[in-house]
Amino acid sequence: SSERIYYADSVKGRFTISRDNAKNTVYLQMNSL
């Protein structure tokens, strides 16, 4: 449901995981690479 999310310390604050269940797809937005 996207209500619980957890990140590795190495990417916390820079990466964002999300999903669109209607599209059967998961995303990873990666910033400040």
All heavy atoms as atom14 arrays in JSON, in Angstrom:
{
  "sequence": "SSERIYYADSVKGRFTISRDNAKNTVYLQMNSL",
  "atom14_mask": [
    [1, 1, 1, 1, 1, 1, 0, 0, 0, 0, 0, 0, 0, 0],
    [1, 1, 1, 1, 1, 1, 0, 0, 0, 0, 0, 0, 0, 0],
    [1, 1, 1, 1, 1, 1, 1, 1, 1, 0, 0, 0, 0, 0],
    [1, 1, 1, 1, 1, 1, 1, 1, 1, 1, 1, 0, 0, 0],
    [1, 1, 1, 1, 1, 1, 1, 1, 0, 0, 0, 0, 0, 0],
    [1, 1, 1, 1, 1, 1, 1, 1, 1, 1, 1, 1, 0, 0],
    [1, 1, 1, 1, 1, 1, 1, 1, 1, 1, 1, 1, 0, 0],
    [1, 1, 1, 1, 1, 0, 0, 0, 0, 0, 0, 0, 0, 0],
    [1, 1, 1, 1, 1, 1, 1, 1, 0, 0, 0, 0, 0, 0],
    [1, 1, 1, 1, 1, 1, 0, 0, 0, 0, 0, 0, 0, 0],
    [1, 1, 1, 1, 1, 1, 1, 0, 0, 0, 0, 0, 0, 0],
    [1, 1, 1, 1, 1, 1, 1, 1, 1, 0, 0, 0, 0, 0],
    [1, 1, 1, 1, 0, 0, 0, 0, 0, 0, 0, 0, 0, 0],
    [1, 1, 1, 1, 1, 1, 1, 1, 1, 1, 1, 0, 0, 0],
    [1, 1, 1, 1, 1, 1, 1, 1, 1, 1, 1, 0, 0, 0],
    [1, 1, 1, 1, 1, 1, 1, 0, 0, 0, 0, 0, 0, 0],
    [1, 1, 1, 1, 1, 1, 1, 1, 0, 0, 0, 0, 0, 0],
    [1, 1, 1, 1, 1, 1, 0, 0, 0, 0, 0, 0, 0, 0],
    [1, 1, 1, 1, 1, 1, 1, 1, 1, 1, 1, 0, 0, 0],
    [1, 1, 1, 1, 1, 1, 1, 1, 0, 0, 0, 0, 0, 0],
    [1, 1, 1, 1, 1, 1, 1, 1, 0, 0, 0, 0, 0, 0],
    [1, 1, 1, 1, 1, 0, 0, 0, 0, 0, 0, 0, 0, 0],
    [1, 1, 1, 1, 1, 1, 1, 1, 1, 0, 0, 0, 0, 0],
    [1, 1, 1, 1, 1, 1, 1, 1, 0, 0, 0, 0, 0, 0],
    [1, 1, 1, 1, 1, 1, 1, 0, 0, 0, 0, 0, 0, 0],
    [1, 1, 1, 1, 1, 1, 1, 0, 0, 0, 0, 0, 0, 0],
    [1, 1, 1, 1, 1, 1, 1, 1, 1, 1, 1, 1, 0, 0],
    [1, 1, 1, 1, 1, 1, 1, 1, 0, 0, 0, 0, 0, 0],
    [1, 1, 1, 1, 1, 1, 1, 1, 1, 0, 0, 0, 0, 0],
    [1, 1, 1, 1, 1, 1, 1, 1, 0, 0, 0, 0, 0, 0],
    [1, 1, 1, 1, 1, 1, 1, 1, 0, 0, 0, 0, 0, 0],
    [1, 1, 1, 1, 1, 1, 0, 0, 0, 0, 0, 0, 0, 0],
    [1, 1, 1, 1, 1, 1, 1, 1, 0, 0, 0, 0, 0, 0]
  ],
  "atom14_positions": [
    [[0.8, -1.22, 0.0], [0.0, 0.0, 0.0], [0.84, 1.28, 0.0], [0.28, 2.37, 0.06], [-0.93, 0.01, 1.21], [-0.19, 0.04, 2.41], [0.0, 0.0, 0.0], [0.0, 0.0, 0.0], [0.0, 0.0, 0.0], [0.0, 0.0, 0.0], [0.0, 0.0, 0.0], [0.0, 0.0, 0.0], [0.0, 0.0, 0.0], [0.0, 0.0, 0.0]],
    [[2.15, 1.14, -0.04], [3.09, 2.26, 0.01], [3.09, 2.96, 1.36], [3.62, 4.07, 1.48], [2.79, 3.29, -1.09], [2.87, 2.69, -2.37], [0.0, 0.0, 0.0], [0.0, 0.0, 0.0], [0.0, 0.0, 0.0], [0.0, 0.0, 0.0], [0.0, 0.0, 0.0], [0.0, 0.0, 0.0], [0.0, 0.0, 0.0], [0.0, 0.0, 0.0]],
    [[2.52, 2.34, 2.37], [2.47, 2.93, 3.71], [3.69, 2.57, 4.56], [3.9, 3.17, 5.61], [1.19, 2.5, 4.42], [-0.07, 3.04, 3.75], [-1.34, 2.6, 4.43], [-1.27, 1.75, 5.35], [-2.42, 3.1, 4.06], [0.0, 0.0, 0.0], [0.0, 0.0, 0.0], [0.0, 0.0, 0.0], [0.0, 0.0, 0.0], [0.0, 0.0, 0.0]],
    [[4.44, 1.6, 4.13], [5.66, 1.23, 4.84], [6.81, 1.2, 3.84], [6.76, 0.48, 2.84], [5.51, -0.13, 5.53], [4.54, -0.1, 6.7], [4.41, -1.46, 7.34], [3.59, -1.41, 8.54], [2.27, -1.46, 8.56], [1.6, -1.56, 7.42], [1.61, -1.4, 9.7], [0.0, 0.0, 0.0], [0.0, 0.0, 0.0], [0.0, 0.0, 0.0]],
    [[7.82, 1.98, 4.13], [8.97, 2.13, 3.24], [10.23, 2.14, 4.08], [10.26, 2.73, 5.16], [8.85, 3.43, 2.42], [7.69, 3.34, 1.43], [10.15, 3.73, 1.69], [7.38, 4.63, 0.72], [0.0, 0.0, 0.0], [0.0, 0.0, 0.0], [0.0, 0.0, 0.0], [0.0, 0.0, 0.0], [0.0, 0.0, 0.0], [0.0, 0.0, 0.0]],
    [[11.27, 1.52, 3.58], [12.52, 1.46, 4.31], [13.68, 1.57, 3.33], [13.66, 0.97, 2.26], [12.63, 0.15, 5.09], [13.8, 0.09, 6.03], [13.75, 0.72, 7.27], [14.97, -0.58, 5.67], [14.83, 0.67, 8.13], [16.05, -0.63, 6.53], [15.97, -0.01, 7.76], [17.04, -0.06, 8.61], [0.0, 0.0, 0.0], [0.0, 0.0, 0.0]],
    [[14.71, 2.34, 3.72], [15.86, 2.56, 2.87], [17.15, 2.14, 3.57], [17.28, 2.25, 4.8], [16.01, 4.03, 2.51], [14.85, 4.6, 1.73], [13.85, 5.31, 2.38], [14.77, 4.44, 0.36], [12.79, 5.85, 1.67], [13.71, 4.97, -0.36], [12.72, 5.67, 0.3], [11.68, 6.21, -0.41], [0.0, 0.0, 0.0], [0.0, 0.0, 0.0]],
    [[18.1, 1.7, 2.78], [19.44, 1.51, 3.3], [20.02, 2.87, 3.68], [19.71, 3.89, 3.06], [20.32, 0.83, 2.26], [0.0, 0.0, 0.0], [0.0, 0.0, 0.0], [0.0, 0.0, 0.0], [0.0, 0.0, 0.0], [0.0, 0.0, 0.0], [0.0, 0.0, 0.0], [0.0, 0.0, 0.0], [0.0, 0.0, 0.0], [0.0, 0.0, 0.0]],
    [[20.86, 2.89, 4.7], [21.45, 4.14, 5.15], [22.2, 4.86, 4.03], [22.24, 6.09, 3.98], [22.39, 3.9, 6.32], [21.65, 3.54, 7.59], [20.44, 3.82, 7.69], [22.29, 3.0, 8.51], [0.0, 0.0, 0.0], [0.0, 0.0, 0.0], [0.0, 0.0, 0.0], [0.0, 0.0, 0.0], [0.0, 0.0, 0.0], [0.0, 0.0, 0.0]],
    [[22.79, 4.1, 3.15], [23.62, 4.67, 2.1], [22.83, 5.5, 1.09], [23.41, 6.34, 0.39], [24.39, 3.57, 1.36], [23.49, 2.62, 0.8], [0.0, 0.0, 0.0], [0.0, 0.0, 0.0], [0.0, 0.0, 0.0], [0.0, 0.0, 0.0], [0.0, 0.0, 0.0], [0.0, 0.0, 0.0], [0.0, 0.0, 0.0], [0.0, 0.0, 0.0]],
    [[21.52, 5.28, 1.01], [20.71, 6.0, 0.03], [19.64, 6.86, 0.67], [18.93, 7.6, -0.03], [20.05, 5.04, -0.98], [21.11, 4.14, -1.62], [18.97, 4.2, -0.31], [0.0, 0.0, 0.0], [0.0, 0.0, 0.0], [0.0, 0.0, 0.0], [0.0, 0.0, 0.0], [0.0, 0.0, 0.0], [0.0, 0.0, 0.0], [0.0, 0.0, 0.0]],
    [[19.5, 6.79, 1.97], [18.46, 7.52, 2.68], [18.6, 9.02, 2.43], [19.68, 9.59, 2.53], [18.54, 7.21, 4.17], [17.3, 7.56, 4.97], [17.41, 7.02, 6.39], [17.55, 5.51, 6.41], [17.63, 4.97, 7.8], [0.0, 0.0, 0.0], [0.0, 0.0, 0.0], [0.0, 0.0, 0.0], [0.0, 0.0, 0.0], [0.0, 0.0, 0.0]],
    [[17.49, 9.64, 2.08], [17.48, 11.06, 1.8], [17.77, 11.4, 0.35], [17.57, 12.55, -0.06], [0.0, 0.0, 0.0], [0.0, 0.0, 0.0], [0.0, 0.0, 0.0], [0.0, 0.0, 0.0], [0.0, 0.0, 0.0], [0.0, 0.0, 0.0], [0.0, 0.0, 0.0], [0.0, 0.0, 0.0], [0.0, 0.0, 0.0], [0.0, 0.0, 0.0]],
    [[18.23, 10.43, -0.42], [18.54, 10.66, -1.82], [17.65, 9.87, -2.77], [17.33, 10.34, -3.85], [20.0, 10.3, -2.11], [21.0, 11.11, -1.31], [22.43, 10.83, -1.75], [22.81, 9.43, -1.54], [23.18, 8.6, -2.51], [23.23, 9.03, -3.77], [23.51, 7.34, -2.23], [0.0, 0.0, 0.0], [0.0, 0.0, 0.0], [0.0, 0.0, 0.0]],
    [[17.28, 8.67, -2.36], [16.46, 7.79, -3.2], [15.03, 7.75, -2.66], [14.8, 7.85, -1.46], [17.01, 6.37, -3.21], [18.31, 6.2, -3.94], [19.07, 7.28, -4.35], [18.78, 4.92, -4.21], [20.27, 7.11, -5.02], [19.98, 4.74, -4.87], [20.73, 5.83, -5.28], [0.0, 0.0, 0.0], [0.0, 0.0, 0.0], [0.0, 0.0, 0.0]],
    [[14.09, 7.55, -3.57], [12.69, 7.4, -3.21], [12.09, 6.22, -3.95], [12.12, 6.18, -5.18], [11.88, 8.66, -3.53], [12.44, 9.79, -2.85], [10.43, 8.49, -3.08], [0.0, 0.0, 0.0], [0.0, 0.0, 0.0], [0.0, 0.0, 0.0], [0.0, 0.0, 0.0], [0.0, 0.0, 0.0], [0.0, 0.0, 0.0], [0.0, 0.0, 0.0]],
    [[11.57, 5.27, -3.21], [10.89, 4.14, -3.81], [9.39, 4.44, -3.84], [8.84, 5.03, -2.9], [11.18, 2.83, -3.05], [10.61, 1.62, -3.8], [10.66, 2.88, -1.63], [11.04, 0.28, -3.22], [0.0, 0.0, 0.0], [0.0, 0.0, 0.0], [0.0, 0.0, 0.0], [0.0, 0.0, 0.0], [0.0, 0.0, 0.0], [0.0, 0.0, 0.0]],
    [[8.73, 4.05, -4.9], [7.3, 4.24, -5.02], [6.73, 3.14, -5.91], [7.47, 2.37, -6.53], [6.97, 5.63, -5.6], [7.5, 5.78, -6.9], [0.0, 0.0, 0.0], [0.0, 0.0, 0.0], [0.0, 0.0, 0.0], [0.0, 0.0, 0.0], [0.0, 0.0, 0.0], [0.0, 0.0, 0.0], [0.0, 0.0, 0.0], [0.0, 0.0, 0.0]],
    [[5.42, 3.08, -5.95], [4.79, 2.07, -6.79], [3.46, 2.57, -7.31], [2.8, 3.41, -6.69], [4.62, 0.75, -6.02], [3.63, 0.8, -4.87], [3.75, -0.45, -4.0], [3.47, -1.66, -4.76], [3.78, -2.89, -4.34], [4.41, -3.06, -3.18], [3.49, -3.94, -5.1], [0.0, 0.0, 0.0], [0.0, 0.0, 0.0], [0.0, 0.0, 0.0]],
    [[3.07, 2.04, -8.44], [1.78, 2.29, -9.03], [1.17, 0.93, -9.3], [1.47, 0.29, -10.3], [1.91, 3.1, -10.32], [0.57, 3.53, -10.88], [-0.45, 2.9, -10.58], [0.55, 4.51, -11.66], [0.0, 0.0, 0.0], [0.0, 0.0, 0.0], [0.0, 0.0, 0.0], [0.0, 0.0, 0.0], [0.0, 0.0, 0.0], [0.0, 0.0, 0.0]],
    [[0.33, 0.5, -8.38], [-0.22, -0.85, -8.49], [-1.12, -1.02, -9.71], [-1.21, -2.11, -10.27], [-0.99, -1.2, -7.22], [-0.07, -1.49, -6.05], [1.1, -1.8, -6.23], [-0.6, -1.37, -4.84], [0.0, 0.0, 0.0], [0.0, 0.0, 0.0], [0.0, 0.0, 0.0], [0.0, 0.0, 0.0], [0.0, 0.0, 0.0], [0.0, 0.0, 0.0]],
    [[-1.76, 0.06, -10.12], [-2.61, -0.01, -11.31], [-1.78, -0.3, -12.56], [-2.28, -0.9, -13.52], [-3.39, 1.28, -11.49], [0.0, 0.0, 0.0], [0.0, 0.0, 0.0], [0.0, 0.0, 0.0], [0.0, 0.0, 0.0], [0.0, 0.0, 0.0], [0.0, 0.0, 0.0], [0.0, 0.0, 0.0], [0.0, 0.0, 0.0], [0.0, 0.0, 0.0]],
    [[-0.52, 0.13, -12.55], [0.38, -0.12, -13.67], [1.29, -1.31, -13.44], [2.12, -1.64, -14.29], [1.23, 1.12, -13.95], [0.44, 2.32, -14.42], [1.36, 3.49, -14.72], [0.57, 4.68, -15.25], [1.45, 5.84, -15.54], [0.0, 0.0, 0.0], [0.0, 0.0, 0.0], [0.0, 0.0, 0.0], [0.0, 0.0, 0.0], [0.0, 0.0, 0.0]],
    [[1.14, -1.95, -12.27], [1.96, -3.11, -11.93], [3.45, -2.77, -12.03], [4.25, -3.57, -12.53], [1.62, -4.28, -12.86], [1.54, -5.61, -12.12], [1.23, -5.66, -10.93], [1.81, -6.69, -12.83], [0.0, 0.0, 0.0], [0.0, 0.0, 0.0], [0.0, 0.0, 0.0], [0.0, 0.0, 0.0], [0.0, 0.0, 0.0], [0.0, 0.0, 0.0]],
    [[3.8, -1.61, -11.52], [5.14, -1.08, -11.69], [5.65, -0.48, -10.38], [4.89, 0.14, -9.63], [5.18, -0.02, -12.79], [4.75, -0.61, -14.02], [6.59, 0.53, -12.98], [0.0, 0.0, 0.0], [0.0, 0.0, 0.0], [0.0, 0.0, 0.0], [0.0, 0.0, 0.0], [0.0, 0.0, 0.0], [0.0, 0.0, 0.0], [0.0, 0.0, 0.0]],
    [[6.94, -0.65, -10.14], [7.63, -0.07, -9.0], [8.73, 0.84, -9.53], [9.36, 0.53, -10.54], [8.21, -1.16, -8.08], [8.91, -0.54, -6.88], [7.11, -2.1, -7.62], [0.0, 0.0, 0.0], [0.0, 0.0, 0.0], [0.0, 0.0, 0.0], [0.0, 0.0, 0.0], [0.0, 0.0, 0.0], [0.0, 0.0, 0.0], [0.0, 0.0, 0.0]],
    [[8.98, 1.94, -8.82], [9.95, 2.92, -9.27], [11.01, 3.16, -8.21], [10.79, 2.94, -7.02], [9.27, 4.25, -9.58], [8.13, 4.15, -10.56], [6.82, 4.04, -10.12], [8.37, 4.16, -11.93], [5.76, 3.94, -11.01], [7.33, 4.06, -12.83], [6.03, 3.96, -12.37], [4.99, 3.86, -13.27], [0.0, 0.0, 0.0], [0.0, 0.0, 0.0]],
    [[12.14, 3.65, -8.66], [13.18, 4.12, -7.76], [13.72, 5.43, -8.31], [14.43, 5.44, -9.32], [14.31, 3.09, -7.61], [15.38, 3.45, -6.59], [14.8, 3.4, -5.17], [16.58, 2.52, -6.71], [0.0, 0.0, 0.0], [0.0, 0.0, 0.0], [0.0, 0.0, 0.0], [0.0, 0.0, 0.0], [0.0, 0.0, 0.0], [0.0, 0.0, 0.0]],
    [[13.34, 6.52, -7.67], [13.86, 7.83, -8.03], [15.18, 8.03, -7.31], [15.23, 7.98, -6.08], [12.87, 8.92, -7.65], [13.35, 10.33, -7.94], [13.48, 10.61, -9.42], [12.58, 10.3, -10.18], [14.6, 11.2, -9.82], [0.0, 0.0, 0.0], [0.0, 0.0, 0.0], [0.0, 0.0, 0.0], [0.0, 0.0, 0.0], [0.0, 0.0, 0.0]],
    [[16.23, 8.27, -8.05], [17.57, 8.41, -7.49], [18.07, 9.82, -7.76], [18.27, 10.21, -8.92], [18.52, 7.37, -8.09], [18.03, 5.94, -7.95], [19.25, 4.72, -8.52], [19.31, 5.16, -10.27], [0.0, 0.0, 0.0], [0.0, 0.0, 0.0], [0.0, 0.0, 0.0], [0.0, 0.0, 0.0], [0.0, 0.0, 0.0], [0.0, 0.0, 0.0]],
    [[18.27, 10.58, -6.71], [18.78, 11.94, -6.81], [20.14, 12.03, -6.13], [20.53, 11.17, -5.36], [17.81, 12.92, -6.14], [16.45, 12.94, -6.79], [16.33, 12.77, -8.01], [15.42, 13.18, -5.99], [0.0, 0.0, 0.0], [0.0, 0.0, 0.0], [0.0, 0.0, 0.0], [0.0, 0.0, 0.0], [0.0, 0.0, 0.0], [0.0, 0.0, 0.0]],
    [[20.84, 13.11, -6.43], [22.16, 13.35, -5.84], [23.05, 12.12, -5.95], [23.69, 11.7, -4.99], [22.01, 13.77, -4.37], [21.22, 14.93, -4.25], [0.0, 0.0, 0.0], [0.0, 0.0, 0.0], [0.0, 0.0, 0.0], [0.0, 0.0, 0.0], [0.0, 0.0, 0.0], [0.0, 0.0, 0.0], [0.0, 0.0, 0.0], [0.0, 0.0, 0.0]],
    [[23.1, 11.57, -7.12], [23.84, 10.33, -7.33], [25.34, 10.52, -7.11], [25.9, 11.57, -7.43], [23.58, 9.79, -8.73], [22.23, 9.11, -8.91], [21.87, 8.98, -10.37], [22.25, 7.73, -8.24], [0.0, 0.0, 0.0], [0.0, 0.0, 0.0], [0.0, 0.0, 0.0], [0.0, 0.0, 0.0], [0.0, 0.0, 0.0], [0.0, 0.0, 0.0]]
  ]
}
